[in-house]
């Protein structure tokens, strides 16, 4: 090999190694952001699953708005708002479950049916950026089968839930949504 060939090969090798190093450095710098995004979505998905599971056990909706929903559901407790969970052989009791959301968090309250205070209240979701979390069917939309504000005078049979969690890599939120029909829902055919 001549000196010129050796210099050209060395320069090309440095360019390839430099490009590879830049890619590795970029990936390492983005890792915390990607981990945070994955954690936000995982947490929101877990809470969303919990909410829809309770909605499926719902018997009737008592309050419905985009930022709050209250419904009667069957829970495995000795008393509404208690922390002791009963065994699977004990019949579930009916309790009032109320979710209320602000632009930063959602709370869950469990109390006796018909009660507006008391029971146990806990924050279940934090870091959301919208209080419009719930939608209902039948809705007051032009097509009542579209999820939207609850149709006045009717009890919703389906509750949709949408959580917008922060996106560490950009200005737009990450959206996680699901929904469920109540246990007593009758679907028109």
N, C-alpha and C. Protein backbone atom coordinates (compact mmCIF):
# COMPACT_ATOMS: atom_id res chain seq x y z
N UNK A 1 0.84 -1.19 0.00
CA UNK A 1 0.00 0.00 0.00
C UNK A 1 0.87 1.24 0.00
N UNK A 2 0.37 2.23 -0.67
CA UNK A 2 1.11 3.48 -0.69
C UNK A 2 0.62 4.35 0.46
N UNK A 3 1.38 5.38 0.71
CA UNK A 3 1.04 6.31 1.78
C UNK A 3 -0.30 7.00 1.49
N UNK A 4 -0.57 7.32 0.26
CA UNK A 4 -1.82 7.99 -0.12
C UNK A 4 -3.01 7.06 0.12
N UNK A 5 -2.89 5.81 -0.25
CA UNK A 5 -3.97 4.85 -0.03
C UNK A 5 -4.23 4.67 1.46
N UNK A 6 -3.15 4.60 2.24
CA UNK A 6 -3.29 4.45 3.68
C UNK A 6 -3.99 5.65 4.30
N UNK A 7 -3.66 6.86 3.87
CA UNK A 7 -4.30 8.08 4.39
C UNK A 7 -5.79 8.11 4.01
N UNK A 8 -6.11 7.74 2.77
CA UNK A 8 -7.50 7.73 2.32
C UNK A 8 -8.29 6.69 3.11
N UNK A 9 -7.74 5.50 3.31
CA UNK A 9 -8.42 4.45 4.07
C UNK A 9 -8.63 4.89 5.52
N UNK A 10 -7.65 5.55 6.11
CA UNK A 10 -7.76 6.03 7.48
C UNK A 10 -8.85 7.09 7.59
N UNK A 11 -8.89 8.01 6.64
CA UNK A 11 -9.92 9.06 6.66
C UNK A 11 -11.31 8.46 6.53
N UNK A 12 -11.46 7.48 5.63
CA UNK A 12 -12.76 6.84 5.45
C UNK A 12 -13.16 6.07 6.71
N UNK A 13 -12.22 5.40 7.33
CA UNK A 13 -12.49 4.66 8.56
C UNK A 13 -12.92 5.59 9.67
N UNK A 14 -12.25 6.73 9.80
CA UNK A 14 -12.62 7.71 10.82
C UNK A 14 -14.04 8.24 10.59
N UNK A 15 -14.40 8.47 9.33
CA UNK A 15 -15.75 8.95 9.01
C UNK A 15 -16.80 7.91 9.41
N UNK A 16 -16.55 6.65 9.10
CA UNK A 16 -17.50 5.59 9.43
C UNK A 16 -17.61 5.42 10.94
N UNK A 17 -16.48 5.38 11.63
CA UNK A 17 -16.49 5.23 13.09
C UNK A 17 -17.14 6.46 13.74
N UNK A 18 -16.86 7.66 13.23
CA UNK A 18 -17.48 8.88 13.77
C UNK A 18 -18.99 8.86 13.61
N UNK A 19 -19.48 8.41 12.46
CA UNK A 19 -20.93 8.31 12.24
C UNK A 19 -21.57 7.32 13.18
N UNK A 20 -20.94 6.18 13.36
CA UNK A 20 -21.46 5.17 14.28
C UNK A 20 -21.49 5.68 15.71
N UNK A 21 -20.45 6.38 16.10
CA UNK A 21 -20.37 6.93 17.46
C UNK A 21 -21.46 7.97 17.67
N UNK A 22 -21.71 8.81 16.68
CA UNK A 22 -22.76 9.82 16.78
C UNK A 22 -24.13 9.17 16.96
N UNK A 23 -24.37 8.08 16.26
CA UNK A 23 -25.65 7.38 16.39
C UNK A 23 -25.82 6.78 17.78
N UNK A 24 -24.76 6.21 18.32
CA UNK A 24 -24.82 5.62 19.67
C UNK A 24 -25.06 6.72 20.71
N UNK A 25 -24.37 7.83 20.58
CA UNK A 25 -24.53 8.95 21.53
C UNK A 25 -25.96 9.47 21.48
N UNK A 26 -26.52 9.61 20.28
CA UNK A 26 -27.89 10.08 20.12
C UNK A 26 -28.88 9.12 20.79
N UNK A 27 -28.68 7.84 20.60
CA UNK A 27 -29.58 6.85 21.21
C UNK A 27 -29.50 6.88 22.73
N UNK A 28 -28.31 7.05 23.27
CA UNK A 28 -28.12 7.10 24.72
C UNK A 28 -28.79 8.35 25.30
N UNK A 29 -28.71 9.47 24.58
CA UNK A 29 -29.32 10.71 25.06
C UNK A 29 -30.85 10.62 25.04
N UNK A 30 -31.43 9.91 24.10
CA UNK A 30 -32.88 9.81 24.00
C UNK A 30 -33.48 8.75 24.92
N UNK A 31 -32.68 7.87 25.47
CA UNK A 31 -33.18 6.78 26.29
C UNK A 31 -34.02 7.25 27.49
N UNK A 32 -33.59 8.24 28.28
CA UNK A 32 -34.42 8.66 29.42
C UNK A 32 -35.79 9.19 28.97
N UNK A 33 -35.82 9.92 27.88
CA UNK A 33 -37.07 10.45 27.34
C UNK A 33 -38.01 9.31 26.92
N UNK A 34 -37.46 8.33 26.24
CA UNK A 34 -38.26 7.18 25.80
C UNK A 34 -38.76 6.37 26.99
N UNK A 35 -37.93 6.23 28.00
CA UNK A 35 -38.33 5.50 29.21
C UNK A 35 -39.46 6.22 29.93
N UNK A 36 -39.36 7.55 30.01
CA UNK A 36 -40.40 8.34 30.67
C UNK A 36 -41.72 8.24 29.89
N UNK A 37 -41.66 8.31 28.58
CA UNK A 37 -42.86 8.18 27.75
C UNK A 37 -43.50 6.81 27.96
N UNK A 38 -42.68 5.77 27.96
CA UNK A 38 -43.20 4.42 28.16
C UNK A 38 -43.83 4.28 29.55
N UNK A 39 -43.21 4.87 30.56
CA UNK A 39 -43.75 4.82 31.92
C UNK A 39 -45.08 5.55 32.00
N UNK A 40 -45.20 6.73 31.36
CA UNK A 40 -46.45 7.48 31.36
C UNK A 40 -47.58 6.67 30.72
N UNK A 41 -47.30 6.06 29.59
CA UNK A 41 -48.31 5.27 28.89
C UNK A 41 -48.68 4.03 29.70
N UNK A 42 -47.71 3.36 30.28
CA UNK A 42 -47.98 2.16 31.08
C UNK A 42 -48.85 2.48 32.29
N UNK A 43 -48.53 3.56 32.98
CA UNK A 43 -49.31 3.96 34.15
C UNK A 43 -50.73 4.33 33.74
N UNK A 44 -50.87 5.10 32.67
CA UNK A 44 -52.21 5.49 32.20
C UNK A 44 -53.00 4.27 31.77
N UNK A 45 -52.36 3.33 31.09
CA UNK A 45 -53.05 2.12 30.63
C UNK A 45 -53.53 1.28 31.81
N UNK A 46 -52.70 1.18 32.85
CA UNK A 46 -53.07 0.41 34.03
C UNK A 46 -54.29 1.03 34.72
N UNK A 47 -54.28 2.36 34.88
CA UNK A 47 -55.41 3.04 35.51
C UNK A 47 -56.66 2.96 34.64
N UNK A 48 -56.48 3.07 33.33
CA UNK A 48 -57.60 2.96 32.41
C UNK A 48 -58.23 1.58 32.49
N UNK A 49 -57.43 0.54 32.58
CA UNK A 49 -57.95 -0.82 32.73
C UNK A 49 -58.75 -0.96 34.02
N UNK A 50 -58.26 -0.36 35.09
CA UNK A 50 -58.97 -0.41 36.37
C UNK A 50 -60.33 0.27 36.25
N UNK A 51 -60.35 1.45 35.62
CA UNK A 51 -61.60 2.19 35.48
C UNK A 51 -62.61 1.41 34.62
N UNK A 52 -62.17 0.88 33.50
CA UNK A 52 -63.11 0.16 32.63
C UNK A 52 -63.59 -1.13 33.27
N UNK A 53 -62.77 -1.77 34.08
CA UNK A 53 -63.20 -2.97 34.79
C UNK A 53 -64.34 -2.62 35.75
N UNK A 54 -64.22 -1.50 36.45
CA UNK A 54 -65.29 -1.08 37.36
C UNK A 54 -66.54 -0.67 36.60
N UNK A 55 -66.37 -0.02 35.45
CA UNK A 55 -67.52 0.38 34.64
C UNK A 55 -68.29 -0.86 34.19
N UNK A 56 -67.58 -1.90 33.80
CA UNK A 56 -68.24 -3.15 33.37
C UNK A 56 -69.10 -3.75 34.48
N UNK A 57 -68.74 -3.49 35.73
CA UNK A 57 -69.53 -3.97 36.86
C UNK A 57 -70.64 -2.99 37.24
N UNK A 58 -70.74 -1.88 36.48
CA UNK A 58 -71.75 -0.87 36.76
C UNK A 58 -73.16 -1.36 36.48
N UNK A 59 -74.08 -0.87 37.29
CA UNK A 59 -75.48 -1.22 37.14
C UNK A 59 -76.26 -0.05 36.55
N UNK A 60 -75.97 1.17 37.02
CA UNK A 60 -76.64 2.36 36.50
C UNK A 60 -75.76 3.58 36.72
N UNK A 61 -75.88 4.54 35.82
CA UNK A 61 -75.12 5.80 35.91
C UNK A 61 -76.00 6.82 36.62
N UNK A 62 -75.44 7.48 37.63
CA UNK A 62 -76.20 8.47 38.39
C UNK A 62 -75.80 9.90 38.04
N UNK A 63 -74.54 10.12 37.65
CA UNK A 63 -74.07 11.43 37.24
C UNK A 63 -73.17 11.26 36.04
N UNK A 64 -73.33 12.14 35.04
CA UNK A 64 -72.48 12.02 33.85
C UNK A 64 -72.14 13.39 33.30
N UNK A 65 -70.85 13.65 33.18
CA UNK A 65 -70.34 14.86 32.54
C UNK A 65 -68.98 14.51 31.96
N UNK A 66 -68.43 15.37 31.10
CA UNK A 66 -67.11 15.06 30.53
C UNK A 66 -66.00 14.94 31.57
N UNK A 67 -66.18 15.57 32.74
CA UNK A 67 -65.12 15.52 33.75
C UNK A 67 -65.47 14.67 34.96
N UNK A 68 -66.67 14.12 35.01
CA UNK A 68 -67.06 13.31 36.18
C UNK A 68 -68.11 12.28 35.78
N UNK A 69 -68.04 11.15 36.44
CA UNK A 69 -69.05 10.12 36.27
C UNK A 69 -69.25 9.44 37.61
N UNK A 70 -70.49 9.10 37.88
CA UNK A 70 -70.82 8.38 39.11
C UNK A 70 -71.79 7.27 38.72
N UNK A 71 -71.53 6.09 39.23
CA UNK A 71 -72.38 4.96 38.88
C UNK A 71 -72.43 3.97 40.03
N UNK A 72 -73.49 3.18 40.03
CA UNK A 72 -73.65 2.13 41.02
C UNK A 72 -73.00 0.88 40.43
N UNK A 73 -72.14 0.24 41.21
CA UNK A 73 -71.44 -0.95 40.74
C UNK A 73 -71.35 -1.98 41.86
N UNK A 74 -71.09 -3.19 41.46
CA UNK A 74 -70.90 -4.28 42.42
C UNK A 74 -69.41 -4.38 42.75
N UNK A 75 -69.10 -4.38 44.05
CA UNK A 75 -67.71 -4.49 44.50
C UNK A 75 -67.61 -5.57 45.58
N UNK A 76 -66.45 -6.15 45.70
CA UNK A 76 -66.22 -7.18 46.72
C UNK A 76 -65.65 -6.50 47.97
N UNK A 77 -66.53 -6.01 48.80
CA UNK A 77 -66.16 -5.37 50.04
C UNK A 77 -67.17 -5.76 51.11
N UNK A 78 -66.78 -5.57 52.35
CA UNK A 78 -67.73 -5.78 53.44
C UNK A 78 -68.59 -4.54 53.62
N UNK A 79 -68.02 -3.37 53.32
CA UNK A 79 -68.74 -2.11 53.43
C UNK A 79 -68.21 -1.18 52.34
N UNK A 80 -69.09 -0.36 51.78
CA UNK A 80 -68.67 0.58 50.73
C UNK A 80 -67.64 1.55 51.28
N UNK A 81 -66.57 1.72 50.55
CA UNK A 81 -65.50 2.62 50.98
C UNK A 81 -64.47 1.95 51.86
N UNK A 82 -64.71 0.71 52.22
CA UNK A 82 -63.76 -0.03 53.06
C UNK A 82 -62.58 -0.53 52.25
N UNK A 83 -61.59 -1.03 52.93
CA UNK A 83 -60.40 -1.52 52.24
C UNK A 83 -60.33 -3.04 52.21
N UNK A 84 -61.13 -3.70 53.04
CA UNK A 84 -61.08 -5.16 53.08
C UNK A 84 -61.80 -5.74 51.88
N UNK A 85 -61.12 -6.59 51.14
CA UNK A 85 -61.71 -7.27 50.00
C UNK A 85 -62.21 -8.63 50.44
N UNK A 86 -63.43 -8.94 50.02
CA UNK A 86 -64.04 -10.22 50.39
C UNK A 86 -63.53 -11.35 49.50
N UNK A 87 -63.75 -12.56 49.92
CA UNK A 87 -63.36 -13.72 49.12
C UNK A 87 -64.30 -13.85 47.92
N UNK A 88 -63.90 -14.63 46.95
CA UNK A 88 -64.68 -14.77 45.72
C UNK A 88 -65.99 -15.52 45.96
N UNK A 89 -66.14 -16.17 47.09
CA UNK A 89 -67.38 -16.91 47.38
C UNK A 89 -68.43 -16.00 48.02
N UNK A 90 -68.03 -14.84 48.55
CA UNK A 90 -68.96 -13.90 49.16
C UNK A 90 -69.58 -13.03 48.07
N UNK A 91 -70.91 -12.84 48.11
CA UNK A 91 -71.54 -12.01 47.09
C UNK A 91 -71.05 -10.56 47.16
N UNK A 92 -70.94 -9.93 45.99
CA UNK A 92 -70.53 -8.53 45.92
C UNK A 92 -71.68 -7.65 46.39
N UNK A 93 -71.34 -6.47 46.91
CA UNK A 93 -72.36 -5.51 47.34
C UNK A 93 -72.38 -4.34 46.36
N UNK A 94 -73.49 -3.60 46.34
CA UNK A 94 -73.58 -2.44 45.46
C UNK A 94 -73.09 -1.20 46.19
N UNK A 95 -72.20 -0.45 45.52
CA UNK A 95 -71.67 0.80 46.06
C UNK A 95 -71.71 1.86 44.97
N UNK A 96 -71.62 3.10 45.39
CA UNK A 96 -71.55 4.22 44.47
C UNK A 96 -70.08 4.49 44.18
N UNK A 97 -69.67 4.43 42.89
CA UNK A 97 -68.31 4.74 42.49
C UNK A 97 -68.35 6.08 41.75
N UNK A 98 -67.52 7.02 42.15
CA UNK A 98 -67.50 8.34 41.51
C UNK A 98 -66.08 8.67 41.09
N UNK A 99 -65.93 9.01 39.82
CA UNK A 99 -64.66 9.49 39.28
C UNK A 99 -64.83 10.97 38.98
N UNK A 100 -63.87 11.76 39.38
CA UNK A 100 -63.89 13.20 39.12
C UNK A 100 -62.50 13.62 38.65
N UNK A 101 -62.45 14.32 37.52
CA UNK A 101 -61.16 14.69 36.93
C UNK A 101 -61.02 16.19 36.78
N UNK A 102 -59.80 16.67 37.00
CA UNK A 102 -59.44 18.06 36.74
C UNK A 102 -58.42 18.05 35.60
N UNK A 103 -57.82 19.18 35.33
CA UNK A 103 -56.82 19.23 34.25
C UNK A 103 -55.49 18.62 34.66
N UNK A 104 -55.37 18.13 35.89
CA UNK A 104 -54.11 17.52 36.32
C UNK A 104 -54.26 16.11 36.89
N UNK A 105 -55.45 15.75 37.38
CA UNK A 105 -55.59 14.44 38.03
C UNK A 105 -57.03 13.97 38.05
N UNK A 106 -57.20 12.68 38.35
CA UNK A 106 -58.53 12.08 38.56
C UNK A 106 -58.57 11.44 39.93
N UNK A 107 -59.70 11.57 40.59
CA UNK A 107 -59.89 10.93 41.89
C UNK A 107 -61.02 9.91 41.78
N UNK A 108 -60.99 8.94 42.67
CA UNK A 108 -62.01 7.90 42.74
C UNK A 108 -62.56 7.90 44.16
N UNK A 109 -63.88 7.91 44.26
CA UNK A 109 -64.53 7.83 45.56
C UNK A 109 -65.47 6.63 45.56
N UNK A 110 -65.49 5.91 46.65
CA UNK A 110 -66.40 4.78 46.82
C UNK A 110 -67.18 5.01 48.09
N UNK A 111 -68.52 5.00 47.96
CA UNK A 111 -69.37 5.27 49.12
C UNK A 111 -70.67 4.50 48.98
N UNK A 112 -71.50 4.59 49.99
CA UNK A 112 -72.80 3.91 49.97
C UNK A 112 -73.67 4.48 48.85
N UNK A 113 -74.54 3.65 48.29
CA UNK A 113 -75.42 4.08 47.20
C UNK A 113 -76.29 5.23 47.69
N UNK A 114 -76.33 6.31 46.91
CA UNK A 114 -77.13 7.48 47.25
C UNK A 114 -76.39 8.52 48.07
N UNK A 115 -75.28 8.17 48.67
CA UNK A 115 -74.51 9.13 49.47
C UNK A 115 -73.72 10.05 48.56
N UNK A 116 -73.58 11.31 48.97
CA UNK A 116 -72.79 12.26 48.20
C UNK A 116 -71.47 12.60 48.87
N UNK A 117 -71.32 12.18 50.11
CA UNK A 117 -70.07 12.40 50.83
C UNK A 117 -69.72 11.13 51.59
N UNK A 118 -68.52 11.13 52.17
CA UNK A 118 -68.08 9.99 52.96
C UNK A 118 -67.39 8.96 52.09
N UNK A 119 -67.17 7.80 52.66
CA UNK A 119 -66.47 6.76 51.93
C UNK A 119 -64.99 7.06 51.82
N UNK A 120 -64.35 6.39 50.89
CA UNK A 120 -62.92 6.62 50.71
C UNK A 120 -62.67 7.27 49.35
N UNK A 121 -61.81 8.29 49.35
CA UNK A 121 -61.44 9.00 48.12
C UNK A 121 -59.94 8.88 47.94
N UNK A 122 -59.53 8.58 46.72
CA UNK A 122 -58.09 8.49 46.43
C UNK A 122 -57.81 9.03 45.04
N UNK A 123 -56.62 9.59 44.87
CA UNK A 123 -56.18 10.06 43.57
C UNK A 123 -55.64 8.86 42.81
N UNK A 124 -56.18 8.62 41.62
CA UNK A 124 -55.77 7.43 40.88
C UNK A 124 -54.93 7.74 39.65
N UNK A 125 -55.07 8.95 39.09
CA UNK A 125 -54.29 9.33 37.91
C UNK A 125 -53.78 10.74 38.11
N UNK A 126 -52.51 10.96 37.88
CA UNK A 126 -51.95 12.31 37.92
C UNK A 126 -51.21 12.56 36.60
N UNK A 127 -51.00 13.82 36.31
CA UNK A 127 -50.23 14.17 35.12
C UNK A 127 -51.04 14.26 33.85
N UNK A 128 -52.38 14.20 33.93
CA UNK A 128 -53.18 14.35 32.72
C UNK A 128 -53.27 15.83 32.38
N UNK A 129 -53.64 16.16 31.14
CA UNK A 129 -53.68 17.57 30.76
C UNK A 129 -55.06 18.00 30.26
N UNK A 130 -56.09 17.22 30.54
CA UNK A 130 -57.45 17.59 30.13
C UNK A 130 -58.44 17.03 31.14
N UNK A 131 -59.45 17.84 31.45
CA UNK A 131 -60.49 17.36 32.37
C UNK A 131 -61.61 16.65 31.61
N UNK A 132 -61.62 16.74 30.29
CA UNK A 132 -62.63 16.04 29.47
C UNK A 132 -62.18 14.60 29.28
N UNK A 133 -62.58 13.74 30.18
CA UNK A 133 -62.12 12.36 30.22
C UNK A 133 -63.21 11.38 29.77
N UNK A 134 -64.47 11.69 30.06
CA UNK A 134 -65.55 10.73 29.84
C UNK A 134 -66.45 11.12 28.68
N UNK A 135 -66.97 10.11 27.98
CA UNK A 135 -68.01 10.29 26.97
C UNK A 135 -69.01 9.15 27.14
N UNK A 136 -70.20 9.33 26.59
CA UNK A 136 -71.29 8.40 26.89
C UNK A 136 -72.09 8.03 25.63
N UNK A 137 -72.72 6.85 25.68
CA UNK A 137 -73.66 6.41 24.66
C UNK A 137 -74.87 5.87 25.41
N UNK A 138 -76.10 6.28 25.09
CA UNK A 138 -76.45 7.20 24.04
C UNK A 138 -76.03 8.62 24.40
N UNK A 139 -75.65 9.36 23.35
CA UNK A 139 -75.15 10.71 23.55
C UNK A 139 -76.10 11.74 22.96
N UNK A 140 -75.81 13.00 23.23
CA UNK A 140 -76.60 14.09 22.66
C UNK A 140 -76.07 14.50 21.29
N UNK A 141 -75.13 13.73 20.75
CA UNK A 141 -74.61 13.98 19.40
C UNK A 141 -75.71 13.73 18.37
N UNK A 142 -75.49 14.18 17.13
CA UNK A 142 -76.46 13.95 16.06
C UNK A 142 -76.76 12.46 15.91
N UNK A 143 -75.70 11.66 15.94
CA UNK A 143 -75.85 10.20 15.96
C UNK A 143 -75.66 9.76 17.40
N UNK A 144 -76.73 9.33 18.09
CA UNK A 144 -76.61 8.99 19.51
C UNK A 144 -75.68 7.82 19.80
N UNK A 145 -75.25 7.08 18.76
CA UNK A 145 -74.31 5.99 19.00
C UNK A 145 -72.86 6.48 19.00
N UNK A 146 -72.64 7.77 18.68
CA UNK A 146 -71.31 8.36 18.81
C UNK A 146 -71.09 8.73 20.27
N UNK A 147 -69.90 8.47 20.77
CA UNK A 147 -69.59 8.80 22.16
C UNK A 147 -69.49 10.31 22.30
N UNK A 148 -70.22 10.85 23.25
CA UNK A 148 -70.22 12.30 23.49
C UNK A 148 -70.89 12.59 24.81
N UNK A 149 -71.38 13.84 25.00
CA UNK A 149 -72.11 14.16 26.23
C UNK A 149 -73.35 13.28 26.35
N UNK A 150 -73.69 12.90 27.55
CA UNK A 150 -74.83 12.01 27.77
C UNK A 150 -76.13 12.66 27.30
N UNK A 151 -76.98 11.86 26.68
CA UNK A 151 -78.28 12.32 26.21
C UNK A 151 -79.15 12.61 27.43
N UNK A 152 -79.71 13.83 27.53
CA UNK A 152 -80.55 14.16 28.69
C UNK A 152 -81.75 13.22 28.79
N UNK A 153 -82.05 12.84 30.00
CA UNK A 153 -83.22 12.00 30.26
C UNK A 153 -83.00 10.51 30.06
N UNK A 154 -81.79 10.11 29.68
CA UNK A 154 -81.52 8.68 29.50
C UNK A 154 -80.33 8.29 30.36
N UNK A 155 -80.27 7.05 30.71
CA UNK A 155 -79.13 6.54 31.46
C UNK A 155 -78.14 5.92 30.48
N UNK A 156 -76.92 6.40 30.45
CA UNK A 156 -75.94 5.85 29.50
C UNK A 156 -75.71 4.35 29.72
N UNK A 157 -75.47 3.65 28.63
CA UNK A 157 -75.16 2.22 28.71
C UNK A 157 -73.69 1.95 28.43
N UNK A 158 -72.98 2.97 27.91
CA UNK A 158 -71.56 2.84 27.57
C UNK A 158 -70.85 4.09 28.08
N UNK A 159 -69.69 3.90 28.68
CA UNK A 159 -68.87 5.01 29.15
C UNK A 159 -67.50 4.88 28.50
N UNK A 160 -67.09 5.90 27.76
CA UNK A 160 -65.76 5.95 27.17
C UNK A 160 -64.83 6.75 28.07
N UNK A 161 -63.57 6.35 28.14
CA UNK A 161 -62.59 7.02 28.98
C UNK A 161 -61.36 7.34 28.13
N UNK A 162 -60.91 8.60 28.15
CA UNK A 162 -59.73 9.02 27.40
C UNK A 162 -58.80 9.79 28.34
N UNK A 163 -57.57 9.31 28.48
CA UNK A 163 -56.57 9.98 29.32
C UNK A 163 -55.48 10.55 28.41
N UNK A 164 -55.20 11.84 28.57
CA UNK A 164 -54.11 12.50 27.84
C UNK A 164 -52.96 12.71 28.82
N UNK A 165 -51.86 11.99 28.60
CA UNK A 165 -50.71 12.07 29.50
C UNK A 165 -49.58 12.84 28.81
N UNK A 166 -48.68 13.44 29.58
CA UNK A 166 -47.62 14.24 28.99
C UNK A 166 -46.71 13.44 28.06
N UNK A 167 -46.27 14.09 27.02
CA UNK A 167 -45.31 13.52 26.07
C UNK A 167 -43.99 14.24 26.29
N UNK A 168 -42.99 13.58 26.87
CA UNK A 168 -41.73 14.26 27.18
C UNK A 168 -40.96 14.69 25.93
N UNK A 169 -41.33 14.18 24.76
CA UNK A 169 -40.56 14.53 23.55
C UNK A 169 -41.27 15.54 22.67
N UNK A 170 -42.38 16.09 23.10
CA UNK A 170 -43.05 17.05 22.25
C UNK A 170 -44.21 17.74 22.94
N UNK A 171 -44.82 18.70 22.24
CA UNK A 171 -45.89 19.48 22.85
C UNK A 171 -47.23 18.74 22.91
N UNK A 172 -47.45 17.78 22.04
CA UNK A 172 -48.74 17.08 22.04
C UNK A 172 -48.74 15.95 23.06
N UNK A 173 -49.93 15.69 23.62
CA UNK A 173 -50.05 14.67 24.65
C UNK A 173 -50.14 13.28 24.03
N UNK A 174 -49.83 12.27 24.83
CA UNK A 174 -50.03 10.88 24.45
C UNK A 174 -51.44 10.51 24.91
N UNK A 175 -52.24 9.94 24.03
CA UNK A 175 -53.63 9.64 24.34
C UNK A 175 -53.83 8.14 24.49
N UNK A 176 -54.47 7.77 25.60
CA UNK A 176 -54.81 6.38 25.87
C UNK A 176 -56.32 6.36 26.11
N UNK A 177 -57.05 5.54 25.35
CA UNK A 177 -58.50 5.53 25.54
C UNK A 177 -59.07 4.12 25.45
N UNK A 178 -60.21 3.96 26.11
CA UNK A 178 -60.92 2.70 26.14
C UNK A 178 -62.33 3.01 26.63
N UNK A 179 -63.13 2.03 26.81
CA UNK A 179 -64.48 2.22 27.31
C UNK A 179 -65.11 0.89 27.58
N UNK A 180 -66.29 0.92 28.18
CA UNK A 180 -66.98 -0.32 28.51
C UNK A 180 -68.47 -0.07 28.64
N UNK A 181 -69.23 -1.09 28.35
CA UNK A 181 -70.67 -1.07 28.56
C UNK A 181 -70.95 -1.50 29.99
N UNK A 182 -71.99 -0.94 30.57
CA UNK A 182 -72.38 -1.33 31.90
C UNK A 182 -72.95 -2.75 31.89
N UNK A 183 -72.89 -3.39 33.02
CA UNK A 183 -73.35 -4.78 33.17
C UNK A 183 -74.81 -4.92 32.75
N UNK A 184 -75.62 -3.91 33.00
CA UNK A 184 -77.05 -4.00 32.71
C UNK A 184 -77.41 -3.42 31.35
N UNK A 185 -76.42 -3.09 30.53
CA UNK A 185 -76.69 -2.47 29.23
C UNK A 185 -77.47 -3.42 28.33
N UNK A 186 -78.48 -2.86 27.68
CA UNK A 186 -79.20 -3.63 26.66
C UNK A 186 -78.92 -2.93 25.34
N UNK A 187 -78.43 -3.66 24.40
CA UNK A 187 -78.06 -3.09 23.12
C UNK A 187 -79.18 -3.28 22.12
N UNK A 188 -79.55 -2.19 21.46
CA UNK A 188 -80.61 -2.25 20.45
C UNK A 188 -80.08 -2.98 19.23
N UNK A 189 -80.88 -3.84 18.62
CA UNK A 189 -80.39 -4.62 17.50
C UNK A 189 -81.09 -4.41 16.22
